[in-house]
Amino acid sequence: DSTKETFFANAPYITGCGGLEDIYAVIRGESYTEIAEQCGGIV
């Protein structure tokens, strides 16, 4: 948990590729919302 806190404190950015519905749902704000809110961006 402390490592996660450090990781999220940097507002990390994550990019993917392809068009998978699971990641599009994250980008739309429908899933993994708590994680996505702590990231600088997920695209």
All heavy atoms as atom14 arrays in JSON, in Angstrom:
{
  "sequence": "DSTKETFFANAPYITGCGGLEDIYAVIRGESYTEIAEQCGGIV",
  "atom14_mask": [
    [1, 1, 1, 1, 1, 1, 1, 1, 0, 0, 0, 0, 0, 0],
    [1, 1, 1, 1, 1, 1, 0, 0, 0, 0, 0, 0, 0, 0],
    [1, 1, 1, 1, 1, 1, 1, 0, 0, 0, 0, 0, 0, 0],
    [1, 1, 1, 1, 1, 1, 1, 1, 1, 0, 0, 0, 0, 0],
    [1, 1, 1, 1, 1, 1, 1, 1, 1, 0, 0, 0, 0, 0],
    [1, 1, 1, 1, 1, 1, 1, 0, 0, 0, 0, 0, 0, 0],
    [1, 1, 1, 1, 1, 1, 1, 1, 1, 1, 1, 0, 0, 0],
    [1, 1, 1, 1, 1, 1, 1, 1, 1, 1, 1, 0, 0, 0],
    [1, 1, 1, 1, 1, 0, 0, 0, 0, 0, 0, 0, 0, 0],
    [1, 1, 1, 1, 1, 1, 1, 1, 0, 0, 0, 0, 0, 0],
    [1, 1, 1, 1, 1, 0, 0, 0, 0, 0, 0, 0, 0, 0],
    [1, 1, 1, 1, 1, 1, 1, 0, 0, 0, 0, 0, 0, 0],
    [1, 1, 1, 1, 1, 1, 1, 1, 1, 1, 1, 1, 0, 0],
    [1, 1, 1, 1, 1, 1, 1, 1, 0, 0, 0, 0, 0, 0],
    [1, 1, 1, 1, 1, 1, 1, 0, 0, 0, 0, 0, 0, 0],
    [1, 1, 1, 1, 0, 0, 0, 0, 0, 0, 0, 0, 0, 0],
    [1, 1, 1, 1, 1, 1, 0, 0, 0, 0, 0, 0, 0, 0],
    [1, 1, 1, 1, 0, 0, 0, 0, 0, 0, 0, 0, 0, 0],
    [1, 1, 1, 1, 0, 0, 0, 0, 0, 0, 0, 0, 0, 0],
    [1, 1, 1, 1, 1, 1, 1, 1, 0, 0, 0, 0, 0, 0],
    [1, 1, 1, 1, 1, 1, 1, 1, 1, 0, 0, 0, 0, 0],
    [1, 1, 1, 1, 1, 1, 1, 1, 0, 0, 0, 0, 0, 0],
    [1, 1, 1, 1, 1, 1, 1, 1, 0, 0, 0, 0, 0, 0],
    [1, 1, 1, 1, 1, 1, 1, 1, 1, 1, 1, 1, 0, 0],
    [1, 1, 1, 1, 1, 0, 0, 0, 0, 0, 0, 0, 0, 0],
    [1, 1, 1, 1, 1, 1, 1, 0, 0, 0, 0, 0, 0, 0],
    [1, 1, 1, 1, 1, 1, 1, 1, 0, 0, 0, 0, 0, 0],
    [1, 1, 1, 1, 1, 1, 1, 1, 1, 1, 1, 0, 0, 0],
    [1, 1, 1, 1, 0, 0, 0, 0, 0, 0, 0, 0, 0, 0],
    [1, 1, 1, 1, 1, 1, 1, 1, 1, 0, 0, 0, 0, 0],
    [1, 1, 1, 1, 1, 1, 0, 0, 0, 0, 0, 0, 0, 0],
    [1, 1, 1, 1, 1, 1, 1, 1, 1, 1, 1, 1, 0, 0],
    [1, 1, 1, 1, 1, 1, 1, 0, 0, 0, 0, 0, 0, 0],
    [1, 1, 1, 1, 1, 1, 1, 1, 1, 0, 0, 0, 0, 0],
    [1, 1, 1, 1, 1, 1, 1, 1, 0, 0, 0, 0, 0, 0],
    [1, 1, 1, 1, 1, 0, 0, 0, 0, 0, 0, 0, 0, 0],
    [1, 1, 1, 1, 1, 1, 1, 1, 1, 0, 0, 0, 0, 0],
    [1, 1, 1, 1, 1, 1, 1, 1, 1, 0, 0, 0, 0, 0],
    [1, 1, 1, 1, 1, 1, 0, 0, 0, 0, 0, 0, 0, 0],
    [1, 1, 1, 1, 0, 0, 0, 0, 0, 0, 0, 0, 0, 0],
    [1, 1, 1, 1, 0, 0, 0, 0, 0, 0, 0, 0, 0, 0],
    [1, 1, 1, 1, 1, 1, 1, 1, 0, 0, 0, 0, 0, 0],
    [1, 1, 1, 1, 1, 1, 1, 0, 0, 0, 0, 0, 0, 0]
  ],
  "atom14_positions": [
    [[0.82, -1.22, 0.0], [0.0, 0.0, 0.0], [0.85, 1.27, 0.0], [0.51, 2.26, -0.67], [-0.94, 0.01, 1.21], [-2.1, -0.95, 1.05], [-2.36, -1.41, -0.08], [-2.76, -1.26, 2.07], [0.0, 0.0, 0.0], [0.0, 0.0, 0.0], [0.0, 0.0, 0.0], [0.0, 0.0, 0.0], [0.0, 0.0, 0.0], [0.0, 0.0, 0.0]],
    [[1.94, 1.25, 0.74], [2.78, 2.46, 0.79], [3.44, 2.71, -0.57], [3.63, 3.87, -0.98], [3.85, 2.32, 1.87], [4.73, 1.23, 1.6], [0.0, 0.0, 0.0], [0.0, 0.0, 0.0], [0.0, 0.0, 0.0], [0.0, 0.0, 0.0], [0.0, 0.0, 0.0], [0.0, 0.0, 0.0], [0.0, 0.0, 0.0], [0.0, 0.0, 0.0]],
    [[3.76, 1.63, -1.29], [4.33, 1.77, -2.63], [3.3, 2.35, -3.59], [3.61, 3.21, -4.42], [4.84, 0.41, -3.15], [5.81, -0.1, -2.24], [5.45, 0.56, -4.53], [0.0, 0.0, 0.0], [0.0, 0.0, 0.0], [0.0, 0.0, 0.0], [0.0, 0.0, 0.0], [0.0, 0.0, 0.0], [0.0, 0.0, 0.0], [0.0, 0.0, 0.0]],
    [[2.06, 1.88, -3.46], [0.99, 2.45, -4.28], [0.82, 3.94, -4.01], [0.63, 4.74, -4.95], [-0.33, 1.72, -4.01], [-0.42, 0.32, -4.55], [-1.8, -0.27, -4.25], [-1.91, -1.71, -4.67], [-3.25, -2.28, -4.36], [0.0, 0.0, 0.0], [0.0, 0.0, 0.0], [0.0, 0.0, 0.0], [0.0, 0.0, 0.0], [0.0, 0.0, 0.0]],
    [[0.88, 4.32, -2.75], [0.73, 5.74, -2.4], [1.81, 6.58, -3.07], [1.55, 7.66, -3.6], [0.76, 5.91, -0.89], [-0.47, 5.37, -0.17], [-0.36, 5.5, 1.34], [0.6, 6.16, 1.81], [-1.22, 4.94, 2.05], [0.0, 0.0, 0.0], [0.0, 0.0, 0.0], [0.0, 0.0, 0.0], [0.0, 0.0, 0.0], [0.0, 0.0, 0.0]],
    [[3.03, 6.08, -3.03], [4.15, 6.79, -3.67], [3.93, 6.87, -5.18], [4.15, 7.93, -5.79], [5.48, 6.08, -3.37], [5.67, 6.01, -1.96], [6.64, 6.82, -4.01], [0.0, 0.0, 0.0], [0.0, 0.0, 0.0], [0.0, 0.0, 0.0], [0.0, 0.0, 0.0], [0.0, 0.0, 0.0], [0.0, 0.0, 0.0], [0.0, 0.0, 0.0]],
    [[3.5, 5.77, -5.74], [3.27, 5.73, -7.19], [2.2, 6.75, -7.6], [2.4, 7.55, -8.52], [2.85, 4.32, -7.59], [2.57, 4.15, -9.07], [3.6, 4.12, -9.99], [1.27, 4.0, -9.53], [3.34, 3.97, -11.35], [1.0, 3.84, -10.88], [2.05, 3.83, -11.79], [0.0, 0.0, 0.0], [0.0, 0.0, 0.0], [0.0, 0.0, 0.0]],
    [[1.08, 6.76, -6.89], [-0.01, 7.67, -7.24], [0.32, 9.13, -6.92], [-0.23, 10.04, -7.55], [-1.3, 7.26, -6.54], [-1.94, 6.02, -7.13], [-2.24, 4.94, -6.32], [-2.23, 5.94, -8.48], [-2.84, 3.8, -6.85], [-2.83, 4.81, -9.03], [-3.14, 3.74, -8.22], [0.0, 0.0, 0.0], [0.0, 0.0, 0.0], [0.0, 0.0, 0.0]],
    [[1.21, 9.34, -5.97], [1.59, 10.72, -5.63], [2.23, 11.44, -6.8], [2.19, 12.68, -6.88], [2.54, 10.7, -4.43], [0.0, 0.0, 0.0], [0.0, 0.0, 0.0], [0.0, 0.0, 0.0], [0.0, 0.0, 0.0], [0.0, 0.0, 0.0], [0.0, 0.0, 0.0], [0.0, 0.0, 0.0], [0.0, 0.0, 0.0], [0.0, 0.0, 0.0]],
    [[2.81, 10.68, -7.73], [3.42, 11.27, -8.92], [2.43, 11.54, -10.04], [2.82, 12.03, -11.11], [4.52, 10.35, -9.46], [5.77, 10.39, -8.62], [6.13, 11.44, -8.1], [6.45, 9.26, -8.5], [0.0, 0.0, 0.0], [0.0, 0.0, 0.0], [0.0, 0.0, 0.0], [0.0, 0.0, 0.0], [0.0, 0.0, 0.0], [0.0, 0.0, 0.0]],
    [[1.15, 11.2, -9.83], [0.13, 11.33, -10.87], [0.62, 10.7, -12.18], [0.84, 11.38, -13.18], [-0.24, 12.8, -11.09], [0.0, 0.0, 0.0], [0.0, 0.0, 0.0], [0.0, 0.0, 0.0], [0.0, 0.0, 0.0], [0.0, 0.0, 0.0], [0.0, 0.0, 0.0], [0.0, 0.0, 0.0], [0.0, 0.0, 0.0], [0.0, 0.0, 0.0]],
    [[0.81, 9.38, -12.18], [1.41, 8.7, -13.33], [0.52, 8.72, -14.57], [-0.71, 8.86, -14.48], [1.6, 7.27, -12.83], [0.53, 7.11, -11.8], [0.42, 8.44, -11.11], [0.0, 0.0, 0.0], [0.0, 0.0, 0.0], [0.0, 0.0, 0.0], [0.0, 0.0, 0.0], [0.0, 0.0, 0.0], [0.0, 0.0, 0.0], [0.0, 0.0, 0.0]],
    [[1.16, 8.56, -15.71], [0.48, 8.49, -17.0], [0.67, 7.1, -17.6], [1.78, 6.55, -17.57], [1.02, 9.56, -17.95], [0.6, 10.95, -17.59], [1.28, 11.67, -16.6], [-0.48, 11.56, -18.2], [0.9, 12.95, -16.24], [-0.88, 12.84, -17.86], [-0.19, 13.53, -16.88], [-0.58, 14.81, -16.53], [0.0, 0.0, 0.0], [0.0, 0.0, 0.0]],
    [[-0.42, 6.56, -18.16], [-0.38, 5.23, -18.77], [-1.03, 5.3, -20.14], [-2.14, 5.82, -20.28], [-1.13, 4.19, -17.9], [-0.54, 4.13, -16.49], [-1.11, 2.82, -18.57], [-1.36, 3.31, -15.51], [0.0, 0.0, 0.0], [0.0, 0.0, 0.0], [0.0, 0.0, 0.0], [0.0, 0.0, 0.0], [0.0, 0.0, 0.0], [0.0, 0.0, 0.0]],
    [[-0.34, 4.79, -21.14], [-0.94, 4.68, -22.47], [-1.08, 3.21, -22.85], [-0.26, 2.38, -22.48], [-0.1, 5.37, -23.55], [1.13, 4.65, -23.74], [0.21, 6.81, -23.2], [0.0, 0.0, 0.0], [0.0, 0.0, 0.0], [0.0, 0.0, 0.0], [0.0, 0.0, 0.0], [0.0, 0.0, 0.0], [0.0, 0.0, 0.0], [0.0, 0.0, 0.0]],
    [[-2.13, 2.91, -23.59], [-2.34, 1.59, -24.16], [-2.48, 1.7, -25.66], [-2.15, 2.73, -26.25], [0.0, 0.0, 0.0], [0.0, 0.0, 0.0], [0.0, 0.0, 0.0], [0.0, 0.0, 0.0], [0.0, 0.0, 0.0], [0.0, 0.0, 0.0], [0.0, 0.0, 0.0], [0.0, 0.0, 0.0], [0.0, 0.0, 0.0], [0.0, 0.0, 0.0]],
    [[-3.02, 0.65, -26.27], [-3.17, 0.66, -27.72], [-4.12, -0.46, -28.13], [-4.02, -1.57, -27.6], [-1.81, 0.47, -28.39], [-1.92, 0.0, -30.12], [0.0, 0.0, 0.0], [0.0, 0.0, 0.0], [0.0, 0.0, 0.0], [0.0, 0.0, 0.0], [0.0, 0.0, 0.0], [0.0, 0.0, 0.0], [0.0, 0.0, 0.0], [0.0, 0.0, 0.0]],
    [[-5.01, -0.17, -29.05], [-5.8, -1.24, -29.65], [-7.28, -0.99, -29.75], [-7.91, -1.28, -30.76], [0.0, 0.0, 0.0], [0.0, 0.0, 0.0], [0.0, 0.0, 0.0], [0.0, 0.0, 0.0], [0.0, 0.0, 0.0], [0.0, 0.0, 0.0], [0.0, 0.0, 0.0], [0.0, 0.0, 0.0], [0.0, 0.0, 0.0], [0.0, 0.0, 0.0]],
    [[-7.92, -0.51, -28.68], [-9.36, -0.29, -28.71], [-10.15, -1.28, -27.87], [-11.34, -1.5, -28.1], [0.0, 0.0, 0.0], [0.0, 0.0, 0.0], [0.0, 0.0, 0.0], [0.0, 0.0, 0.0], [0.0, 0.0, 0.0], [0.0, 0.0, 0.0], [0.0, 0.0, 0.0], [0.0, 0.0, 0.0], [0.0, 0.0, 0.0], [0.0, 0.0, 0.0]],
    [[-9.51, -1.89, -26.88], [-10.17, -2.86, -26.01], [-11.26, -2.17, -25.19], [-11.03, -1.12, -24.59], [-9.13, -3.49, -25.09], [-9.6, -4.6, -24.15], [-9.98, -5.84, -24.93], [-8.49, -4.92, -23.14], [0.0, 0.0, 0.0], [0.0, 0.0, 0.0], [0.0, 0.0, 0.0], [0.0, 0.0, 0.0], [0.0, 0.0, 0.0], [0.0, 0.0, 0.0]],
    [[-12.44, -2.77, -25.14], [-13.56, -2.19, -24.4], [-13.21, -1.97, -22.93], [-13.61, -0.96, -22.33], [-14.79, -3.08, -24.52], [-15.95, -2.71, -23.61], [-16.46, -1.28, -23.77], [-16.24, -0.67, -24.85], [-17.05, -0.76, -22.81], [0.0, 0.0, 0.0], [0.0, 0.0, 0.0], [0.0, 0.0, 0.0], [0.0, 0.0, 0.0], [0.0, 0.0, 0.0]],
    [[-12.45, -2.87, -22.32], [-12.09, -2.71, -20.91], [-11.37, -1.4, -20.66], [-11.63, -0.71, -19.66], [-11.2, -3.87, -20.46], [-11.95, -5.18, -20.3], [-13.19, -5.17, -20.45], [-11.31, -6.21, -20.04], [0.0, 0.0, 0.0], [0.0, 0.0, 0.0], [0.0, 0.0, 0.0], [0.0, 0.0, 0.0], [0.0, 0.0, 0.0], [0.0, 0.0, 0.0]],
    [[-10.44, -1.05, -21.54], [-9.69, 0.2, -21.32], [-10.54, 1.41, -21.72], [-10.45, 2.47, -21.1], [-8.33, 0.19, -22.06], [-7.34, 1.17, -21.39], [-8.47, 0.53, -23.52], [-6.78, 0.7, -20.1], [0.0, 0.0, 0.0], [0.0, 0.0, 0.0], [0.0, 0.0, 0.0], [0.0, 0.0, 0.0], [0.0, 0.0, 0.0], [0.0, 0.0, 0.0]],
    [[-11.39, 1.25, -22.74], [-12.28, 2.36, -23.11], [-13.25, 2.67, -21.97], [-13.6, 3.83, -21.73], [-13.05, 2.03, -24.38], [-12.27, 2.3, -25.66], [-10.88, 2.33, -25.68], [-12.93, 2.53, -26.86], [-10.17, 2.58, -26.84], [-12.22, 2.78, -28.04], [-10.85, 2.8, -28.02], [-10.16, 3.05, -29.18], [0.0, 0.0, 0.0], [0.0, 0.0, 0.0]],
    [[-13.69, 1.63, -21.25], [-14.56, 1.86, -20.09], [-13.85, 2.66, -19.01], [-14.44, 3.51, -18.35], [-15.05, 0.52, -19.53], [0.0, 0.0, 0.0], [0.0, 0.0, 0.0], [0.0, 0.0, 0.0], [0.0, 0.0, 0.0], [0.0, 0.0, 0.0], [0.0, 0.0, 0.0], [0.0, 0.0, 0.0], [0.0, 0.0, 0.0], [0.0, 0.0, 0.0]],
    [[-12.55, 2.39, -18.84], [-11.75, 3.17, -17.89], [-11.67, 4.62, -18.36], [-11.87, 5.56, -17.57], [-10.33, 2.58, -17.75], [-9.47, 3.47, -16.85], [-10.39, 1.16, -17.19], [0.0, 0.0, 0.0], [0.0, 0.0, 0.0], [0.0, 0.0, 0.0], [0.0, 0.0, 0.0], [0.0, 0.0, 0.0], [0.0, 0.0, 0.0], [0.0, 0.0, 0.0]],
    [[-11.4, 4.82, -19.64], [-11.27, 6.17, -20.18], [-12.59, 6.92, -20.08], [-12.61, 8.14, -19.83], [-10.77, 6.1, -21.65], [-9.35, 5.52, -21.69], [-10.8, 7.49, -22.3], [-8.86, 5.22, -23.1], [0.0, 0.0, 0.0], [0.0, 0.0, 0.0], [0.0, 0.0, 0.0], [0.0, 0.0, 0.0], [0.0, 0.0, 0.0], [0.0, 0.0, 0.0]],
    [[-13.71, 6.2, -20.24], [-15.03, 6.83, -20.12], [-15.4, 7.12, -18.67], [-16.42, 7.77, -18.4], [-16.11, 5.93, -20.73], [-16.05, 5.8, -22.24], [-17.33, 5.18, -22.79], [-17.59, 3.85, -22.25], [-17.25, 2.71, -22.85], [-16.64, 2.74, -24.03], [-17.51, 1.54, -22.29], [0.0, 0.0, 0.0], [0.0, 0.0, 0.0], [0.0, 0.0, 0.0]],
    [[-14.62, 6.63, -17.71], [-14.91, 6.86, -16.31], [-15.9, 5.89, -15.72], [-16.56, 6.19, -14.71], [0.0, 0.0, 0.0], [0.0, 0.0, 0.0], [0.0, 0.0, 0.0], [0.0, 0.0, 0.0], [0.0, 0.0, 0.0], [0.0, 0.0, 0.0], [0.0, 0.0, 0.0], [0.0, 0.0, 0.0], [0.0, 0.0, 0.0], [0.0, 0.0, 0.0]],
    [[-15.99, 4.69, -16.3], [-16.98, 3.7, -15.87], [-16.38, 2.59, -15.01], [-17.12, 1.84, -14.36], [-17.67, 3.08, -17.09], [-18.43, 4.1, -17.93], [-18.89, 3.55, -19.26], [-18.59, 2.37, -19.57], [-19.52, 4.3, -20.02], [0.0, 0.0, 0.0], [0.0, 0.0, 0.0], [0.0, 0.0, 0.0], [0.0, 0.0, 0.0], [0.0, 0.0, 0.0]],
    [[-15.08, 2.43, -15.02], [-14.45, 1.39, -14.21], [-13.06, 1.85, -13.77], [-12.5, 2.78, -14.34], [-14.35, 0.08, -15.0], [-13.48, 0.22, -16.1], [0.0, 0.0, 0.0], [0.0, 0.0, 0.0], [0.0, 0.0, 0.0], [0.0, 0.0, 0.0], [0.0, 0.0, 0.0], [0.0, 0.0, 0.0], [0.0, 0.0, 0.0], [0.0, 0.0, 0.0]],
    [[-12.55, 1.2, -12.74], [-11.25, 1.57, -12.15], [-11.2, 3.07, -11.86], [-10.16, 3.72, -12.03], [-10.1, 1.17, -13.07], [-9.88, -0.32, -13.17], [-10.58, -1.09, -14.1], [-8.98, -0.98, -12.34], [-10.4, -2.46, -14.2], [-8.78, -2.35, -12.42], [-9.5, -3.09, -13.35], [-9.31, -4.45, -13.44], [0.0, 0.0, 0.0], [0.0, 0.0, 0.0]],
    [[-12.33, 3.6, -11.45], [-12.43, 5.06, -11.3], [-11.49, 5.6, -10.23], [-10.89, 6.67, -10.4], [-13.88, 5.46, -10.96], [-14.33, 4.69, -9.83], [-14.8, 5.2, -12.14], [0.0, 0.0, 0.0], [0.0, 0.0, 0.0], [0.0, 0.0, 0.0], [0.0, 0.0, 0.0], [0.0, 0.0, 0.0], [0.0, 0.0, 0.0], [0.0, 0.0, 0.0]],
    [[-11.35, 4.88, -9.1], [-10.48, 5.37, -8.03], [-9.03, 5.43, -8.49], [-8.31, 6.39, -8.19], [-10.62, 4.46, -6.79], [-9.84, 4.98, -5.6], [-10.05, 4.14, -4.35], [-10.99, 3.31, -4.34], [-9.3, 4.31, -3.38], [0.0, 0.0, 0.0], [0.0, 0.0, 0.0], [0.0, 0.0, 0.0], [0.0, 0.0, 0.0], [0.0, 0.0, 0.0]],
    [[-8.61, 4.42, -9.25], [-7.25, 4.41, -9.77], [-7.08, 5.51, -10.82], [-6.1, 6.27, -10.8], [-6.93, 3.03, -10.38], [-6.8, 2.0, -9.25], [-5.66, 3.08, -11.21], [-6.67, 0.57, -9.74], [0.0, 0.0, 0.0], [0.0, 0.0, 0.0], [0.0, 0.0, 0.0], [0.0, 0.0, 0.0], [0.0, 0.0, 0.0], [0.0, 0.0, 0.0]],
    [[-8.04, 5.6, -11.75], [-7.93, 6.59, -12.83], [-7.88, 8.01, -12.3], [-7.16, 8.86, -12.83], [-9.1, 6.42, -13.8], [0.0, 0.0, 0.0], [0.0, 0.0, 0.0], [0.0, 0.0, 0.0], [0.0, 0.0, 0.0], [0.0, 0.0, 0.0], [0.0, 0.0, 0.0], [0.0, 0.0, 0.0], [0.0, 0.0, 0.0], [0.0, 0.0, 0.0]],
    [[-8.62, 8.26, -11.23], [-8.65, 9.61, -10.65], [-7.3, 10.0, -10.05], [-6.98, 11.19, -9.95], [-9.73, 9.69, -9.58], [-11.15, 9.73, -10.15], [-12.22, 9.56, -9.1], [-11.85, 9.38, -7.9], [-13.41, 9.6, -9.44], [0.0, 0.0, 0.0], [0.0, 0.0, 0.0], [0.0, 0.0, 0.0], [0.0, 0.0, 0.0], [0.0, 0.0, 0.0]],
    [[-6.51, 9.02, -9.66], [-5.19, 9.3, -9.07], [-4.08, 9.36, -10.12], [-2.94, 9.73, -9.79], [-4.86, 8.24, -8.03], [-5.8, 8.21, -6.84], [-5.44, 7.12, -5.86], [-4.53, 7.28, -5.04], [-6.13, 6.0, -5.93], [0.0, 0.0, 0.0], [0.0, 0.0, 0.0], [0.0, 0.0, 0.0], [0.0, 0.0, 0.0], [0.0, 0.0, 0.0]],
    [[-4.41, 9.0, -11.35], [-3.42, 9.06, -12.43], [-3.47, 10.42, -13.12], [-4.52, 11.08, -13.14], [-3.7, 7.96, -13.45], [-3.35, 6.28, -12.87], [0.0, 0.0, 0.0], [0.0, 0.0, 0.0], [0.0, 0.0, 0.0], [0.0, 0.0, 0.0], [0.0, 0.0, 0.0], [0.0, 0.0, 0.0], [0.0, 0.0, 0.0], [0.0, 0.0, 0.0]],
    [[-2.37, 10.81, -13.7], [-2.36, 12.04, -14.49], [-3.22, 11.87, -15.74], [-3.88, 12.81, -16.18], [0.0, 0.0, 0.0], [0.0, 0.0, 0.0], [0.0, 0.0, 0.0], [0.0, 0.0, 0.0], [0.0, 0.0, 0.0], [0.0, 0.0, 0.0], [0.0, 0.0, 0.0], [0.0, 0.0, 0.0], [0.0, 0.0, 0.0], [0.0, 0.0, 0.0]],
    [[-3.2, 10.67, -16.3], [-4.0, 10.39, -17.48], [-3.84, 8.94, -17.92], [-2.78, 8.34, -17.74], [0.0, 0.0, 0.0], [0.0, 0.0, 0.0], [0.0, 0.0, 0.0], [0.0, 0.0, 0.0], [0.0, 0.0, 0.0], [0.0, 0.0, 0.0], [0.0, 0.0, 0.0], [0.0, 0.0, 0.0], [0.0, 0.0, 0.0], [0.0, 0.0, 0.0]],
    [[-4.91, 8.4, -18.46], [-4.9, 7.07, -19.07], [-5.53, 7.21, -20.45], [-6.67, 7.68, -20.58], [-5.69, 6.05, -18.23], [-5.08, 5.91, -16.83], [-5.73, 4.69, -18.94], [-5.9, 5.04, -15.89], [0.0, 0.0, 0.0], [0.0, 0.0, 0.0], [0.0, 0.0, 0.0], [0.0, 0.0, 0.0], [0.0, 0.0, 0.0], [0.0, 0.0, 0.0]],
    [[-4.79, 6.85, -21.48], [-5.3, 6.96, -22.85], [-4.96, 5.68, -23.61], [-4.17, 4.85, -23.16], [-4.71, 8.17, -23.61], [-5.01, 9.48, -22.87], [-3.21, 8.01, -23.84], [0.0, 0.0, 0.0], [0.0, 0.0, 0.0], [0.0, 0.0, 0.0], [0.0, 0.0, 0.0], [0.0, 0.0, 0.0], [0.0, 0.0, 0.0], [0.0, 0.0, 0.0]]
  ]
}
